[in-house]
Amino acid sequence: MEFETSVDYNRTKELKNLDDTKAGVKGLVDAGITNIEVPTIDLSNIQDGSRRKEIVDEVRIATEEWGFFKVINYGIPLSVLDEMIDGVRMFNEQDLEFKKEVYNRDAAKEVRFNSNFDLYTSQTADWRDTLSLSFLDSDPDPNEMPAVGSIVCHYYPACPRPELTLGVRKHADPGILTLLLQNEISGLQVLHEGQWFDVHPIRGGLVVNIGDLLKIISNDKLKSVKHRVTANHVGPRISVPCFVSGHASLLDKPFSPIKELTSEANPPRYKELVLREHIARFLSSSLDKKPLIDYYKL
C-alpha cells in the first residue's frame, strides 16, 4: 500500500520568525497579521530516538500553550482520508427517506443522525447536521474497542446568511482529546490569548485538541480551549472528529488531578469527578450554558 501523506513544513523557521518580532502573538495581531497558525507537528521518523524526543517536546509545548495542534506525516494513506470525507458527503446528500430512518435523539443508539444534539436546550441552533457512530464496524467486539468515545460526522452546508449564525458555537470538548479530519473548506477557529485564529485545513493532516478531562487531570498544565466553526457561503464543509474519553472500564472510576502534578505550592484545582456522570452532564446540557469544567473547579 502506498502512503501519500508527506507534507513539507518548516516549523522551526516559523517559530524563529515569531520570536524575532519580540512582540508576541498580540503584536502580530496589532500589526494586522491575521494568518497566524496553530502549531503543526511533523510525525515522520518518530521511531528515531532523537527525533522522537523532539516530537514529544513539540507536543508538550503545543498542548501547554495552545491546546490545539495539527499533525502531518503520521502514516494513514490519503486515499483512506478522502474516502471518509466522501462517505460523509454521500450520506448527507443521498435520498432523504433513508436519512429519516436513522434520524433520532436517543444517545443510547449506536447510529444517530440529527441536527444539533442540544436543539431543545440551547438558545440558538447551529448550521450543522451530524451523523454519530458509537462503533467502528457492523459487528464490534465490545472487549476490543473503547466504548467511551465516538466518531462523529459533521456536515455544514453552504449558508445563505452566514453572518446570522455559526456552524457550531464556541465550546471546549469534554473528553481527553479529539482527533479531527476536515475537508478543504475552512471554518474552524480556536480562541488563543483573547483572539480567534483560523485552523486552516492541510490535506492529509489531522487536528488534535485537548479536552476538559485532560485539562483536569493535568491540573491545568495542559490547555482545553474554546473553539468554534463559522458558517460559510461555500460548502459543504465536512469534518470527522473522533472524541476520546477513556475505556468502558473507567466509566465508574474517579478522575482528579494527578498527584505528581500537585503540591503545596500548586494544590489541586478541581474536585473529583466520575466519568459516567461527566459524560451524562455534557449530553444533557447545551453548548451555550455554563462551561462544563466550571462544575469541578475548587
Protein backbone atom coordinates (compact mmCIF):
# COMPACT_ATOMS: atom_id res chain seq x y z
CA MET A 1 0.00 0.00 0.00
CA GLU A 2 1.30 3.42 -0.93
CA PHE A 3 1.30 6.03 1.82
CA GLU A 4 0.81 9.51 0.41
CA THR A 5 0.78 11.78 3.43
CA SER A 6 4.14 13.54 3.22
CA VAL A 7 3.72 17.27 3.83
CA ASP A 8 6.52 19.84 3.78
CA TYR A 9 6.52 22.20 6.77
CA ASN A 10 9.31 24.16 8.48
CA ARG A 11 8.06 24.79 11.99
CA THR A 12 11.45 25.95 13.28
CA LYS A 13 11.54 28.74 10.71
CA GLU A 14 8.04 29.93 11.61
CA LEU A 15 8.83 29.88 15.34
CA LYS A 16 12.01 31.88 14.72
CA ASN A 17 10.07 34.45 12.68
CA LEU A 18 7.57 34.86 15.54
CA ASP A 19 10.27 35.07 18.20
CA ASP A 20 12.25 37.67 16.25
CA THR A 21 9.32 40.12 16.39
CA LYS A 22 9.76 40.33 20.22
CA ALA A 23 6.08 41.35 20.38
CA GLY A 24 4.36 38.01 20.94
CA VAL A 25 1.09 36.94 19.36
CA LYS A 26 -0.66 40.19 20.37
CA GLY A 27 1.97 42.15 18.47
CA LEU A 28 1.22 40.22 15.30
CA VAL A 29 -2.49 40.93 15.66
CA ASP A 30 -1.83 44.62 16.32
CA ALA A 31 0.30 44.71 13.19
CA GLY A 32 -2.59 43.38 11.13
CA ILE A 33 -1.09 39.94 10.61
CA THR A 34 -4.03 37.53 10.68
CA ASN A 35 -2.55 34.37 9.17
CA ILE A 36 -1.13 33.08 12.47
CA GLU A 37 -1.40 29.30 12.57
CA VAL A 38 -1.69 26.76 15.36
CA PRO A 39 1.43 24.58 15.63
CA THR A 40 1.91 21.86 13.01
CA ILE A 41 3.91 18.81 14.14
CA ASP A 42 5.60 16.51 11.65
CA LEU A 43 5.47 12.90 12.91
CA SER A 44 7.80 11.47 10.26
CA ASN A 45 10.74 9.44 11.64
CA ILE A 46 9.05 9.24 15.03
CA GLN A 47 10.69 5.86 15.68
CA ASP A 48 14.10 7.52 15.64
CA GLY A 49 15.18 8.15 19.24
CA SER A 50 16.36 11.75 18.93
CA ARG A 51 13.53 12.73 16.58
CA ARG A 52 11.00 11.13 18.94
CA LYS A 53 12.22 13.34 21.78
CA GLU A 54 11.85 16.42 19.57
CA ILE A 55 8.28 15.44 18.70
CA VAL A 56 7.39 14.86 22.36
CA ASP A 57 8.74 18.32 23.22
CA GLU A 58 6.77 19.90 20.36
CA VAL A 59 3.56 18.20 21.53
CA ARG A 60 4.17 19.31 25.12
CA ILE A 61 4.69 22.94 24.08
CA ALA A 62 1.65 22.91 21.80
CA THR A 63 -0.64 21.43 24.46
CA GLU A 64 0.59 23.80 27.16
CA GLU A 65 0.45 26.96 25.05
CA TRP A 66 -2.36 26.36 22.53
CA GLY A 67 -4.28 23.21 23.48
CA PHE A 68 -4.54 22.73 19.70
CA PHE A 69 -2.13 21.47 17.07
CA LYS A 70 -2.03 19.77 13.68
CA VAL A 71 -0.15 16.59 12.82
CA ILE A 72 1.20 15.54 9.43
CA ASN A 73 3.06 12.50 8.05
CA TYR A 74 1.53 10.01 10.50
CA GLY A 75 1.16 7.15 8.03
CA ILE A 76 -2.54 6.98 7.07
CA PRO A 77 -2.92 6.96 3.26
CA LEU A 78 -4.59 10.00 1.71
CA SER A 79 -6.96 7.64 -0.08
CA VAL A 80 -8.40 6.47 3.25
CA LEU A 81 -8.93 10.04 4.46
CA ASP A 82 -10.50 11.11 1.15
CA GLU A 83 -12.86 8.12 1.21
CA MET A 84 -14.00 9.05 4.70
CA ILE A 85 -14.80 12.62 3.63
CA ASP A 86 -16.58 11.31 0.50
CA GLY A 87 -18.60 8.89 2.62
CA VAL A 88 -19.88 11.70 4.85
CA ARG A 89 -20.79 13.73 1.79
CA MET A 90 -22.65 10.84 0.15
CA PHE A 91 -24.63 10.07 3.30
CA ASN A 92 -25.82 13.64 3.70
CA GLU A 93 -26.60 14.14 0.01
CA GLN A 94 -28.47 10.86 -0.50
CA ASP A 95 -32.21 10.30 -0.59
CA LEU A 96 -33.99 11.94 2.35
CA GLU A 97 -36.07 8.87 3.17
CA PHE A 98 -33.02 6.83 4.19
CA LYS A 99 -31.71 9.60 6.46
CA LYS A 100 -35.12 9.76 8.12
CA GLU A 101 -34.75 6.09 9.08
CA VAL A 102 -31.72 6.84 11.27
CA TYR A 103 -32.80 10.31 12.47
CA ASN A 104 -33.16 10.17 16.27
CA ARG A 105 -32.03 11.83 19.50
CA ASP A 106 -31.53 8.71 21.61
CA ALA A 107 -27.96 8.90 22.95
CA ALA A 108 -28.04 5.13 23.57
CA LYS A 109 -28.38 4.40 19.84
CA GLU A 110 -25.25 3.16 18.07
CA VAL A 111 -26.13 5.20 14.98
CA ARG A 112 -27.75 8.61 15.27
CA PHE A 113 -28.43 11.29 12.68
CA ASN A 114 -29.80 14.66 13.74
CA SER A 115 -29.29 18.40 13.65
CA ASN A 116 -27.95 19.97 16.88
CA PHE A 117 -27.68 17.48 19.75
CA ASP A 118 -28.78 20.27 22.13
CA LEU A 119 -31.57 21.62 19.93
CA TYR A 120 -34.16 21.71 22.72
CA THR A 121 -31.89 23.03 25.48
CA SER A 122 -29.86 25.70 23.66
CA GLN A 123 -30.82 29.30 22.96
CA THR A 124 -29.63 29.13 19.34
CA ALA A 125 -29.24 26.47 16.66
CA ASP A 126 -26.05 25.74 14.71
CA TRP A 127 -25.82 25.41 10.92
CA ARG A 128 -24.81 21.74 11.02
CA ASP A 129 -26.13 18.19 10.65
CA THR A 130 -24.45 15.28 12.40
CA LEU A 131 -24.13 11.52 11.98
CA SER A 132 -22.80 9.86 15.16
CA LEU A 133 -21.30 6.36 15.25
CA SER A 134 -20.50 4.60 18.50
CA PHE A 135 -18.79 1.60 16.89
CA LEU A 136 -16.25 1.03 14.12
CA ASP A 137 -17.73 -1.96 12.26
CA SER A 138 -21.02 -3.81 11.88
CA ASP A 139 -20.15 -6.49 14.46
CA PRO A 140 -17.79 -4.94 17.01
CA ASP A 141 -16.22 -6.93 19.81
CA PRO A 142 -17.02 -4.94 22.99
CA ASN A 143 -13.91 -6.36 24.64
CA GLU A 144 -11.61 -4.92 21.99
CA MET A 145 -12.95 -1.40 21.49
CA PRO A 146 -13.24 1.59 23.81
CA ALA A 147 -16.94 2.09 24.47
CA VAL A 148 -16.43 5.57 25.85
CA GLY A 149 -15.86 7.66 22.78
CA SER A 150 -17.39 8.18 19.36
CA ILE A 151 -16.77 9.09 15.75
CA VAL A 152 -18.95 11.97 14.63
CA CYS A 153 -19.52 13.13 11.05
CA HIS A 154 -20.43 16.83 10.70
CA TYR A 155 -21.89 18.29 7.52
CA TYR A 156 -22.04 22.08 7.19
CA PRO A 157 -23.96 23.04 4.02
CA ALA A 158 -23.38 26.36 2.29
CA CYS A 159 -25.19 29.03 4.31
CA PRO A 160 -27.12 31.83 2.54
CA ARG A 161 -26.73 34.20 5.54
CA PRO A 162 -23.53 33.20 7.37
CA GLU A 163 -23.44 36.48 9.31
CA LEU A 164 -26.57 35.38 11.19
CA THR A 165 -25.36 32.05 12.57
CA LEU A 166 -22.39 29.79 13.35
CA GLY A 167 -21.52 26.32 12.20
CA VAL A 168 -21.07 25.50 15.88
CA ARG A 169 -20.93 27.81 18.89
CA LYS A 170 -17.79 28.26 20.98
CA HIS A 171 -17.14 25.39 23.35
CA ALA A 172 -14.46 23.13 24.77
CA ASP A 173 -14.59 19.36 24.25
CA PRO A 174 -15.44 17.35 27.38
CA GLY A 175 -13.20 14.31 26.94
CA ILE A 176 -9.48 13.55 26.98
CA LEU A 177 -8.65 14.64 23.45
CA THR A 178 -10.18 14.98 19.99
CA LEU A 179 -8.73 13.92 16.64
CA LEU A 180 -10.26 15.81 13.71
CA LEU A 181 -10.24 15.23 9.97
CA GLN A 182 -11.62 18.08 7.84
CA ASN A 183 -12.05 18.75 4.13
CA GLU A 184 -10.57 21.71 2.26
CA ILE A 185 -13.12 24.31 3.40
CA SER A 186 -12.05 26.45 6.36
CA GLY A 187 -14.24 27.44 9.27
CA LEU A 188 -12.66 26.02 12.43
CA GLN A 189 -11.32 28.70 14.77
CA VAL A 190 -9.52 28.49 18.12
CA LEU A 191 -9.50 31.12 20.88
CA HIS A 192 -5.91 31.95 21.80
CA GLU A 193 -4.91 34.84 24.07
CA GLY A 194 -8.27 36.52 23.53
CA GLN A 195 -8.14 36.32 19.72
CA TRP A 196 -9.84 33.96 17.27
CA PHE A 197 -7.42 32.21 14.89
CA ASP A 198 -8.31 30.11 11.85
CA VAL A 199 -7.25 26.46 11.86
CA HIS A 200 -6.69 26.06 8.13
CA PRO A 201 -7.07 22.55 6.72
CA ILE A 202 -3.99 20.70 5.47
CA ARG A 203 -4.77 17.87 3.08
CA GLY A 204 -3.51 14.75 4.79
CA GLY A 205 -3.31 16.50 8.16
CA LEU A 206 -5.29 15.96 11.36
CA VAL A 207 -6.18 18.45 14.08
CA VAL A 208 -5.63 17.40 17.71
CA ASN A 209 -7.11 19.29 20.64
CA ILE A 210 -7.05 18.76 24.38
CA GLY A 211 -10.36 18.14 26.17
CA ASP A 212 -11.58 19.25 29.59
CA LEU A 213 -10.85 15.86 31.16
CA LEU A 214 -7.15 16.02 30.29
CA LYS A 215 -7.02 19.63 31.49
CA ILE A 216 -8.47 18.48 34.81
CA ILE A 217 -6.16 15.52 35.41
CA SER A 218 -3.14 17.63 34.39
CA ASN A 219 -4.25 20.26 36.93
CA ASP A 220 -4.27 23.00 34.25
CA LYS A 221 -0.82 22.11 32.92
CA LEU A 222 -2.43 21.34 29.56
CA LYS A 223 -4.95 23.67 27.92
CA SER A 224 -8.50 22.86 26.92
CA VAL A 225 -9.51 25.90 24.91
CA LYS A 226 -12.66 27.26 23.35
CA HIS A 227 -13.15 26.74 19.65
CA ARG A 228 -15.96 27.28 17.15
CA VAL A 229 -16.88 26.87 13.49
CA THR A 230 -18.03 29.79 11.38
CA ALA A 231 -20.76 29.45 8.76
CA ASN A 232 -19.75 29.96 5.14
CA HIS A 233 -21.24 30.95 1.79
CA VAL A 234 -19.47 27.96 0.24
CA GLY A 235 -19.86 24.35 1.17
CA PRO A 236 -20.29 21.79 2.26
CA ARG A 237 -17.65 21.86 4.97
CA ILE A 238 -17.16 18.33 6.26
CA SER A 239 -15.38 17.30 9.45
CA VAL A 240 -14.95 13.97 11.21
CA PRO A 241 -13.95 14.29 14.87
CA CYS A 242 -13.10 11.26 16.99
CA PHE A 243 -13.76 12.02 20.66
CA VAL A 244 -11.63 10.00 23.09
CA SER A 245 -12.82 9.82 26.70
CA GLY A 246 -11.44 6.53 28.02
CA HIS A 247 -12.26 2.83 28.12
CA ALA A 248 -15.63 1.49 29.30
CA SER A 249 -13.89 0.04 32.37
CA LEU A 250 -13.25 3.61 33.53
CA LEU A 251 -16.88 4.76 33.47
CA ASP A 252 -17.36 4.46 37.22
CA LYS A 253 -13.82 5.36 38.20
CA PRO A 254 -12.97 8.69 39.87
CA PHE A 255 -10.91 11.26 37.98
CA SER A 256 -9.00 14.10 39.63
CA PRO A 257 -5.69 15.97 39.21
CA ILE A 258 -2.70 13.61 39.10
CA LYS A 259 -0.89 13.70 42.44
CA GLU A 260 2.51 14.10 40.78
CA LEU A 261 1.29 17.37 39.25
CA THR A 262 0.10 18.85 42.54
CA SER A 263 1.98 20.17 45.53
CA GLU A 264 1.60 22.51 48.47
CA ALA A 265 2.50 25.39 46.16
CA ASN A 266 0.26 24.05 43.38
CA PRO A 267 -2.74 22.39 45.07
CA PRO A 268 -5.48 20.56 43.13
CA ARG A 269 -7.67 22.98 41.20
CA TYR A 270 -10.51 20.56 40.52
CA LYS A 271 -12.59 18.23 42.63
CA GLU A 272 -13.02 14.55 41.90
CA LEU A 273 -15.48 13.51 39.19
CA VAL A 274 -16.92 10.24 37.89
CA LEU A 275 -16.58 9.73 34.14
CA ARG A 276 -20.11 8.39 33.61
CA GLU A 277 -21.63 11.41 35.36
CA HIS A 278 -19.32 13.79 33.46
CA ILE A 279 -20.44 12.43 30.08
CA ALA A 280 -24.11 12.44 31.12
CA ARG A 281 -23.82 16.08 32.22
CA PHE A 282 -22.39 17.06 28.84
CA LEU A 283 -25.09 15.22 26.86
CA SER A 284 -27.89 16.73 28.93
CA SER A 285 -26.58 20.29 28.72
CA SER A 286 -26.06 22.68 25.80
CA LEU A 287 -23.05 24.48 24.37
CA ASP A 288 -24.30 27.93 25.36
CA LYS A 289 -24.83 27.09 29.04
CA LYS A 290 -22.29 27.11 31.90
CA PRO A 291 -18.93 25.63 30.76
CA LEU A 292 -18.76 22.01 31.85
CA ILE A 293 -15.37 22.34 33.52
CA ASP A 294 -16.68 25.06 35.85
CA TYR A 295 -18.70 22.45 37.78
CA TYR A 296 -15.48 20.89 39.05
CA LYS A 297 -13.40 23.92 39.96
CA LEU A 298 -12.33 24.26 43.59
